[in-house]
């Protein structure tokens, strides 16, 4: 069975709409539940919201026993 690449984008010019949260939740669901290989491209220059969120989450994971 041939698998095709699927592209999904979340976009709006308005800030504070939850694009980062929706992107991370969707990517996590597709990867951990559906077992897809997922890549996220953060084009929110200069904020890089997804990078900051991932670093925060990594710090929380390392703190938990």
Protein backbone atom coordinates (compact mmCIF):
# COMPACT_ATOMS: atom_id res chain seq x y z
CA UNK A 1 0.00 0.00 0.00
CA UNK A 2 1.48 3.34 -1.07
CA UNK A 3 1.32 6.08 1.55
CA UNK A 4 1.01 9.69 0.46
CA UNK A 5 2.27 12.70 2.39
CA UNK A 6 -0.49 14.76 3.95
CA UNK A 7 -0.03 18.43 4.76
CA UNK A 8 -2.17 20.16 7.39
CA UNK A 9 -1.88 23.88 8.17
CA UNK A 10 -3.38 26.12 10.82
CA UNK A 11 -3.28 29.80 9.96
CA UNK A 12 -4.78 33.12 11.00
CA UNK A 13 -3.36 36.61 11.26
CA UNK A 14 -5.07 37.18 14.60
CA UNK A 15 -2.90 36.41 17.61
CA UNK A 16 -4.10 34.44 20.60
CA UNK A 17 -6.35 32.11 18.63
CA UNK A 18 -4.70 28.90 19.87
CA UNK A 19 -2.81 27.94 16.70
CA UNK A 20 0.19 26.65 18.64
CA UNK A 21 -1.94 24.63 21.06
CA UNK A 22 -4.04 23.12 18.26
CA UNK A 23 -0.92 22.32 16.23
CA UNK A 24 0.84 20.56 19.12
CA UNK A 25 -2.29 18.66 20.19
CA UNK A 26 -3.03 17.54 16.62
CA UNK A 27 0.56 16.47 16.00
CA UNK A 28 0.67 14.59 19.32
CA UNK A 29 -2.59 12.79 18.54
CA UNK A 30 -1.44 11.80 15.06
CA UNK A 31 1.90 10.56 16.37
CA UNK A 32 1.04 8.87 19.68
CA UNK A 33 -2.47 7.59 18.92
CA UNK A 34 -2.47 7.05 15.16
CA UNK A 35 1.24 6.15 14.89
CA UNK A 36 1.98 8.60 12.06
CA UNK A 37 5.35 10.17 11.49
CA UNK A 38 4.81 13.89 12.12
CA UNK A 39 6.90 17.00 11.52
CA UNK A 40 5.96 20.50 12.69
CA UNK A 41 7.19 23.64 10.98
CA UNK A 42 6.89 26.77 13.15
CA UNK A 43 6.70 29.84 10.88
CA UNK A 44 5.82 32.22 13.72
CA UNK A 45 8.98 34.31 13.46
CA UNK A 46 10.27 35.73 15.79
CA UNK A 47 8.20 34.09 18.55
CA UNK A 48 8.91 30.42 17.81
CA UNK A 49 6.05 29.44 20.12
CA UNK A 50 6.26 25.70 19.48
CA UNK A 51 9.98 25.56 20.33
CA UNK A 52 9.36 27.37 23.62
CA UNK A 53 6.43 25.08 24.46
CA UNK A 54 8.48 21.95 23.76
CA UNK A 55 11.37 23.16 25.94
CA UNK A 56 8.92 23.91 28.76
CA UNK A 57 7.36 20.45 28.42
CA UNK A 58 10.77 18.76 28.42
CA UNK A 59 11.61 20.56 31.66
CA UNK A 60 8.37 19.39 33.26
CA UNK A 61 8.95 15.80 32.16
CA UNK A 62 12.45 15.74 33.66
CA UNK A 63 11.14 17.06 36.98
CA UNK A 64 8.49 14.33 37.33
CA UNK A 65 9.74 11.03 38.80
